[in-house]
Amino acid sequence: MGDDDLAHVCFHHQHLDHNKIFTISTMVKQTQRETQTKRTQTKATKKQTNTKTIKKTTQTRRPQSFTPCSVGDAREWCYNDNVNNYINTWERGAPMPLNYKLINLYLLTLHYPLSNNVRNKFVGMVNNMQEYAPNRNNIQNLQSHIAESIKRLYRNITSMPRMINHVGNRNSPVILYHGSMLPHLKNLQVGDIYTTPIFMSTSVIFDVAARFARVNPTSADTAVVLRIQIPSNKLKEFQYMYFGDFVNLANCNTIKESEMLMNLHSNLRLEQVHRPKTVNYRVYGCNGRSLRSVTKMITFFDFTFIGHSARNVNRLLNINTPKNSE
C-alpha cells in the first residue's frame, strides 16, 4: 500500500471517528433535552397533585352539622336538680336516676384516691343526701347504686349509633370541646394517651365549653378547655350520645349546650398544649335571649380521639370503697 493509499485510509478512519463523535454528542444533547422535559413534566404533575391535595384537604374541613338521636333514659344525665329534688324523684326500689355530679365525683375518687379535694366534694354531697333522707335504704346503699348507674350509662352509650350516621360531612373531622376542671393534666406529655376517668360532657360549640371552663392549679394556672378532634376515619367508631337539637356549624348563632357525652375510659392522644391566651366567647344576656361577649384566659389542650375502651364495664370500676362514702 502506497503513501497515498495509507493517507486515504487514515483520512477515512478520521472521518468515521468525527461522525461517531458528532453522533454521540447529538445523542447526549437529545438525552439531556428528554431528561429536562421529563423533569418539567414531573414538576407539573407534582404541582397538579399538590393542587388536588390542597383542594381535597379544604373539602374535608367543611363545617359539620349534627342531627338529634334518641338517648332514652340517659336524658336524666342533663338534669341538675338539687339534692332534695333528686332524692324525691328516686322512687323506692327503682334504679338510681343518673346524676352527673354524683357519678363523676365517685369516679374521680376511684381514679385519684390521694386527692383530698375530690374526696371532700364527694363525701360532702353524700352527707347532704344522708342528712336529708337518713332512713332511706337507697341512700344507705348509695355506693352500690352508683356502681349500677355507671354500668347502666356505660352500656347505654356503647349501644348508641355511631357518629358517622349523624353528621353532615362524613369525610370531615369533628371537634368537641370540654370545659375542664380535671386534675393533673399538667403531668401529661405530648404523645401521651389520656384515658378519660369520667363520663366527659363535651359540646360541639366552643362557647359552651368556655363557659364551663374553670381553674385547677394541678392542670394549668388558667381555665382549661380540651379540644378533642375525632378524625374522619374514627367517625364510624365514636359512640354518638348527643343531647342537642340539630346544629349546622356553618350557620350557627346558638350557644345552647348541644352536649355530646363521651363514654367512660375513652382514649385520647395529647397533641399540643398551647400557651394561655385571652379568648372571647358568647353568653346569654340577662333576658336569657340576647347574646353578649365576655373574655376569659384559657389554656387549650389539643387531643385526638383514638378509641373507646374495649374492656368489660365491670373491669372499668375500681371495687375499693372511698372512705366515708357509706
Protein backbone atom coordinates (compact mmCIF):
# COMPACT_ATOMS: atom_id res chain seq x y z
CA MET A 1 0.00 0.00 0.00
CA GLY A 2 1.42 3.35 -1.03
CA ASP A 3 1.61 6.55 0.88
CA ASP A 4 -1.46 7.92 -0.90
CA ASP A 5 -3.45 4.82 -0.10
CA LEU A 6 -2.33 4.97 3.54
CA ALA A 7 -3.26 8.63 3.71
CA HIS A 8 -6.69 7.87 2.24
CA VAL A 9 -7.30 5.13 4.79
CA CYS A 10 -6.14 7.33 7.66
CA PHE A 11 -8.38 10.16 6.49
CA HIS A 12 -11.32 7.76 6.11
CA HIS A 13 -10.83 6.48 9.64
CA GLN A 14 -10.55 10.02 10.94
CA HIS A 15 -13.79 10.90 9.08
CA LEU A 16 -15.58 7.97 10.70
CA ASP A 17 -14.33 9.00 14.15
CA HIS A 18 -15.66 12.52 13.67
CA ASN A 19 -19.03 11.14 12.65
CA LYS A 20 -19.11 8.98 15.74
CA ILE A 21 -18.22 11.91 17.93
CA PHE A 22 -20.87 14.06 16.26
CA THR A 23 -23.48 11.31 16.66
CA ILE A 24 -22.66 10.72 20.35
CA SER A 25 -22.75 14.45 21.03
CA THR A 26 -26.14 14.70 19.36
CA MET A 27 -27.44 11.74 21.36
CA VAL A 28 -26.19 13.26 24.62
CA LYS A 29 -27.90 16.57 23.87
CA GLN A 30 -31.09 14.79 22.91
CA THR A 31 -30.98 12.73 26.12
CA GLN A 32 -30.45 15.91 28.14
CA ARG A 33 -33.44 17.54 26.43
CA GLU A 34 -35.59 14.47 27.11
CA THR A 35 -34.47 14.39 30.75
CA GLN A 36 -35.27 18.08 31.15
CA THR A 37 -38.67 17.51 29.52
CA LYS A 38 -39.38 14.63 31.95
CA ARG A 39 -38.35 16.81 34.90
CA THR A 40 -40.64 19.58 33.73
CA GLN A 41 -43.49 17.10 33.29
CA THR A 42 -42.78 15.59 36.72
CA LYS A 43 -42.86 19.04 38.34
CA ALA A 44 -46.12 19.83 36.55
CA THR A 45 -47.58 16.52 37.70
CA LYS A 46 -46.50 17.16 41.30
CA LYS A 47 -47.96 20.64 41.13
CA GLN A 48 -51.25 19.25 39.89
CA THR A 49 -51.16 16.56 42.59
CA ASN A 50 -50.44 19.14 45.28
CA THR A 51 -53.25 21.30 43.97
CA LYS A 52 -55.61 18.35 44.15
CA THR A 53 -54.39 17.54 47.66
CA ILE A 54 -54.94 21.11 48.79
CA LYS A 55 -58.42 21.11 47.32
CA LYS A 56 -59.17 17.77 48.96
CA THR A 57 -57.88 19.00 52.33
CA THR A 58 -60.02 22.11 52.04
CA GLN A 59 -63.08 19.99 51.30
CA THR A 60 -62.51 17.75 54.34
CA ARG A 61 -62.52 20.79 56.64
CA ARG A 62 -66.03 21.92 55.84
CA PRO A 63 -68.14 22.80 58.90
CA GLN A 64 -70.07 19.89 60.35
CA SER A 65 -73.73 19.51 61.16
CA PHE A 66 -75.25 17.23 63.80
CA THR A 67 -78.66 15.59 63.94
CA PRO A 68 -80.54 14.55 67.13
CA CYS A 69 -80.77 10.96 68.26
CA SER A 70 -82.86 9.03 70.78
CA VAL A 71 -80.98 8.83 74.09
CA GLY A 72 -83.64 7.11 76.21
CA ASP A 73 -83.15 7.18 79.99
CA ALA A 74 -79.74 8.78 79.56
CA ARG A 75 -81.62 12.09 79.30
CA GLU A 76 -81.54 12.09 83.11
CA TRP A 77 -77.86 12.99 82.80
CA CYS A 78 -78.80 16.53 81.85
CA TYR A 79 -80.95 17.17 84.92
CA ASN A 80 -79.39 19.42 87.53
CA ASP A 81 -81.82 19.18 90.43
CA ASN A 82 -80.70 19.99 93.93
CA VAL A 83 -80.23 17.18 96.45
CA ASN A 84 -83.77 17.35 97.84
CA ASN A 85 -85.46 17.18 94.45
CA TYR A 86 -83.11 14.47 93.31
CA ILE A 87 -83.91 12.20 96.26
CA ASN A 88 -87.65 12.84 95.92
CA THR A 89 -87.59 11.67 92.29
CA TRP A 90 -85.77 8.50 93.27
CA GLU A 91 -88.59 6.06 93.88
CA ARG A 92 -88.10 3.21 96.29
CA GLY A 93 -86.89 0.06 94.52
CA ALA A 94 -86.21 1.90 91.25
CA PRO A 95 -82.77 2.35 89.65
CA MET A 96 -80.93 5.44 90.82
CA PRO A 97 -81.61 8.39 88.47
CA LEU A 98 -78.44 9.43 86.68
CA ASN A 99 -76.80 12.35 88.46
CA TYR A 100 -73.71 13.58 86.66
CA LYS A 101 -72.17 15.26 89.72
CA LEU A 102 -72.55 12.21 91.94
CA ILE A 103 -71.37 9.72 89.31
CA ASN A 104 -68.34 11.69 88.13
CA LEU A 105 -67.23 12.64 91.63
CA TYR A 106 -67.38 8.98 92.60
CA LEU A 107 -65.32 8.01 89.53
CA LEU A 108 -62.76 10.70 90.33
CA THR A 109 -62.34 9.36 93.87
CA LEU A 110 -61.50 5.99 92.36
CA HIS A 111 -59.11 7.44 89.81
CA TYR A 112 -57.40 9.91 92.15
CA PRO A 113 -57.59 8.27 95.61
CA LEU A 114 -54.99 10.66 97.05
CA SER A 115 -56.86 13.82 96.05
CA ASN A 116 -58.38 15.30 99.19
CA ASN A 117 -60.19 17.95 97.17
CA VAL A 118 -62.09 15.39 95.07
CA ARG A 119 -62.80 13.17 98.07
CA ASN A 120 -64.11 16.05 100.19
CA LYS A 121 -66.52 17.14 97.45
CA PHE A 122 -67.86 13.63 97.03
CA VAL A 123 -68.21 13.00 100.77
CA GLY A 124 -69.92 16.38 101.22
CA MET A 125 -72.53 15.51 98.58
CA VAL A 126 -73.14 12.09 100.12
CA ASN A 127 -73.52 13.60 103.60
CA ASN A 128 -76.11 16.07 102.32
CA MET A 129 -78.13 13.21 100.87
CA GLN A 130 -77.91 11.15 104.04
CA GLU A 131 -78.93 14.09 106.22
CA TYR A 132 -81.97 14.77 104.05
CA ALA A 133 -83.14 11.15 103.95
CA PRO A 134 -81.31 9.18 106.65
CA ASN A 135 -83.81 6.31 106.74
CA ARG A 136 -84.00 5.53 103.03
CA ASN A 137 -82.38 2.26 102.01
CA ASN A 138 -81.43 3.85 98.69
CA ILE A 139 -79.17 6.32 100.47
CA GLN A 140 -77.72 3.77 102.90
CA ASN A 141 -76.61 1.58 100.00
CA LEU A 142 -75.53 4.52 97.88
CA GLN A 143 -72.23 3.16 96.58
CA SER A 144 -73.79 0.03 95.06
CA HIS A 145 -76.46 2.20 93.41
CA ILE A 146 -73.80 4.49 91.94
CA ALA A 147 -71.90 1.49 90.56
CA GLU A 148 -75.05 0.12 88.93
CA SER A 149 -75.81 3.55 87.44
CA ILE A 150 -72.32 3.72 85.96
CA LYS A 151 -72.75 0.31 84.35
CA ARG A 152 -76.18 1.25 83.01
CA LEU A 153 -74.93 4.51 81.48
CA TYR A 154 -71.81 2.87 80.06
CA ARG A 155 -73.83 0.17 78.32
CA ASN A 156 -76.34 2.76 77.10
CA ILE A 157 -73.63 4.84 75.43
CA THR A 158 -71.97 1.72 74.00
CA SER A 159 -75.24 0.74 72.31
CA MET A 160 -75.69 4.13 70.63
CA PRO A 161 -75.36 4.52 66.84
CA ARG A 162 -72.01 5.67 65.55
CA MET A 163 -71.28 9.30 64.82
CA ILE A 164 -70.81 8.74 61.09
CA ASN A 165 -74.58 8.18 60.78
CA HIS A 166 -75.46 11.58 62.27
CA VAL A 167 -73.00 14.11 60.82
CA GLY A 168 -73.45 16.13 57.66
CA ASN A 169 -69.96 15.51 56.26
CA ARG A 170 -68.58 12.01 56.68
CA ASN A 171 -65.19 12.99 55.26
CA SER A 172 -64.60 15.77 57.76
CA PRO A 173 -63.24 15.50 61.31
CA VAL A 174 -65.34 16.59 64.28
CA ILE A 175 -64.10 18.89 67.03
CA LEU A 176 -65.55 18.54 70.53
CA TYR A 177 -64.90 20.99 73.37
CA HIS A 178 -64.76 20.25 77.09
CA GLY A 179 -64.57 22.99 79.69
CA SER A 180 -62.46 21.19 82.24
CA MET A 181 -61.69 21.07 85.93
CA LEU A 182 -59.93 17.72 85.61
CA PRO A 183 -56.83 17.40 87.80
CA HIS A 184 -53.22 16.62 86.90
CA LEU A 185 -53.36 17.41 83.18
CA LYS A 186 -50.10 19.28 83.70
CA ASN A 187 -48.35 15.91 84.13
CA LEU A 188 -49.13 14.83 80.56
CA GLN A 189 -46.51 14.93 77.80
CA VAL A 190 -47.22 15.39 74.09
CA GLY A 191 -47.89 11.94 72.64
CA ASP A 192 -49.26 10.50 75.90
CA ILE A 193 -52.54 8.58 75.82
CA TYR A 194 -55.02 10.02 78.29
CA THR A 195 -57.83 7.71 79.34
CA THR A 196 -60.86 9.71 80.41
CA PRO A 197 -61.60 8.95 84.10
CA ILE A 198 -65.22 10.20 83.87
CA PHE A 199 -68.18 10.39 81.55
CA MET A 200 -66.99 13.52 79.79
CA SER A 201 -69.56 16.15 78.87
CA THR A 202 -68.46 17.93 75.71
CA SER A 203 -70.11 20.33 73.29
CA VAL A 204 -69.89 20.85 69.55
CA ILE A 205 -69.92 24.61 70.29
CA PHE A 206 -66.83 26.24 71.79
CA ASP A 207 -68.72 28.98 73.68
CA VAL A 208 -70.40 26.35 75.85
CA ALA A 209 -67.12 24.76 76.91
CA ALA A 210 -65.55 28.17 77.61
CA ARG A 211 -68.46 28.98 79.92
CA PHE A 212 -67.86 25.82 81.98
CA ALA A 213 -64.05 26.03 81.99
CA ARG A 214 -62.55 26.53 85.45
CA VAL A 215 -59.11 26.71 87.02
CA ASN A 216 -57.47 23.65 88.54
CA PRO A 217 -53.89 24.51 89.57
CA THR A 218 -52.75 20.90 89.05
CA SER A 219 -53.60 21.25 85.36
CA ALA A 220 -52.93 24.91 84.50
CA ASP A 221 -52.84 28.37 86.03
CA THR A 222 -55.84 29.39 83.91
CA ALA A 223 -59.16 27.89 82.93
CA VAL A 224 -58.75 24.83 80.70
CA VAL A 225 -60.56 23.78 77.52
CA LEU A 226 -59.93 20.39 75.93
CA ARG A 227 -60.17 20.46 72.13
CA ILE A 228 -60.81 16.88 71.02
CA GLN A 229 -60.57 16.02 67.34
CA ILE A 230 -62.36 12.93 66.10
CA PRO A 231 -60.68 12.08 62.76
CA SER A 232 -62.94 11.24 59.86
CA ASN A 233 -61.73 7.62 59.92
CA LYS A 234 -62.88 7.34 63.55
CA LEU A 235 -66.43 8.61 63.00
CA LYS A 236 -67.53 5.01 62.42
CA GLU A 237 -66.29 4.09 65.91
CA PHE A 238 -67.36 7.05 68.05
CA GLN A 239 -70.48 6.34 70.14
CA TYR A 240 -72.99 9.12 69.40
CA MET A 241 -74.66 10.12 72.67
CA TYR A 242 -75.87 13.58 71.60
CA PHE A 243 -78.37 15.54 73.71
CA GLY A 244 -78.72 18.55 71.42
CA ASP A 245 -81.00 19.75 68.65
CA PHE A 246 -79.98 19.94 65.00
CA VAL A 247 -76.91 22.17 64.65
CA ASN A 248 -75.19 23.34 61.48
CA LEU A 249 -71.85 24.89 62.40
CA ALA A 250 -71.67 26.64 59.03
CA ASN A 251 -74.52 28.90 60.12
CA CYS A 252 -74.62 28.69 63.89
CA ASN A 253 -75.75 31.54 66.13
CA THR A 254 -76.72 29.48 69.13
CA ILE A 255 -74.92 28.73 72.35
CA LYS A 256 -77.27 26.00 73.56
CA GLU A 257 -75.31 23.28 75.29
CA SER A 258 -75.50 20.85 72.33
CA GLU A 259 -73.91 18.22 74.55
CA MET A 260 -72.06 15.15 73.32
CA LEU A 261 -71.41 12.70 76.17
CA MET A 262 -68.13 10.82 75.73
CA ASN A 263 -68.04 7.38 77.28
CA LEU A 264 -66.01 6.47 80.32
CA HIS A 265 -62.42 5.39 79.56
CA SER A 266 -62.19 6.79 76.06
CA ASN A 267 -58.59 7.08 74.87
CA LEU A 268 -57.22 10.46 73.75
CA ARG A 269 -53.72 11.28 72.49
CA LEU A 270 -52.29 14.63 73.58
CA GLU A 271 -51.13 16.59 70.53
CA GLN A 272 -50.30 20.02 71.95
CA VAL A 273 -50.62 22.26 74.98
CA HIS A 274 -50.99 25.91 73.98
CA ARG A 275 -49.82 28.99 75.79
CA PRO A 276 -52.62 30.65 77.77
CA LYS A 277 -54.49 33.32 75.85
CA THR A 278 -57.42 35.65 76.33
CA VAL A 279 -60.42 34.32 74.43
CA ASN A 280 -63.78 35.89 73.59
CA TYR A 281 -66.89 33.75 73.85
CA ARG A 282 -70.63 34.32 73.91
CA VAL A 283 -73.09 34.01 76.78
CA TYR A 284 -76.76 34.84 77.13
CA GLY A 285 -77.64 38.27 78.45
CA CYS A 286 -79.88 38.99 81.43
CA ASN A 287 -83.06 38.44 79.44
CA GLY A 288 -81.90 34.94 78.51
CA ARG A 289 -82.13 35.58 74.77
CA SER A 290 -79.71 38.25 73.57
CA LEU A 291 -76.04 37.32 73.29
CA ARG A 292 -73.14 39.24 74.72
CA SER A 293 -69.40 38.69 74.55
CA VAL A 294 -67.16 38.02 77.56
CA THR A 295 -63.48 37.18 77.88
CA LYS A 296 -61.55 34.53 79.80
CA MET A 297 -57.92 33.44 79.99
CA ILE A 298 -57.82 29.85 78.70
CA THR A 299 -55.20 27.15 78.20
CA PHE A 300 -56.10 24.81 75.33
CA PHE A 301 -55.15 21.13 75.41
CA ASP A 302 -55.44 19.55 71.94
CA PHE A 303 -56.28 15.83 71.86
CA THR A 304 -57.08 13.27 69.16
CA PHE A 305 -59.66 10.57 69.81
CA ILE A 306 -58.03 7.14 69.49
CA GLY A 307 -60.86 4.83 70.51
CA HIS A 308 -63.17 3.64 73.29
CA SER A 309 -62.19 1.12 75.93
CA ALA A 310 -62.62 -2.49 74.88
CA ARG A 311 -62.73 -3.76 78.46
CA ASN A 312 -65.85 -5.09 80.11
CA VAL A 313 -67.68 -2.43 82.11
CA ASN A 314 -67.24 -4.42 85.34
CA ARG A 315 -63.47 -4.12 84.96
CA LEU A 316 -63.70 -0.37 84.46
CA LEU A 317 -64.80 0.10 88.06
CA ASN A 318 -62.44 0.03 90.98
CA ILE A 319 -64.10 -2.07 93.68
CA ASN A 320 -62.44 -0.17 96.53
CA THR A 321 -64.86 1.91 98.57
CA PRO A 322 -63.95 5.57 99.14
CA LYS A 323 -63.72 6.30 102.85
CA ASN A 324 -66.81 7.85 104.46
CA SER A 325 -68.92 7.14 101.38
CA GLU A 326 -71.28 4.81 103.19
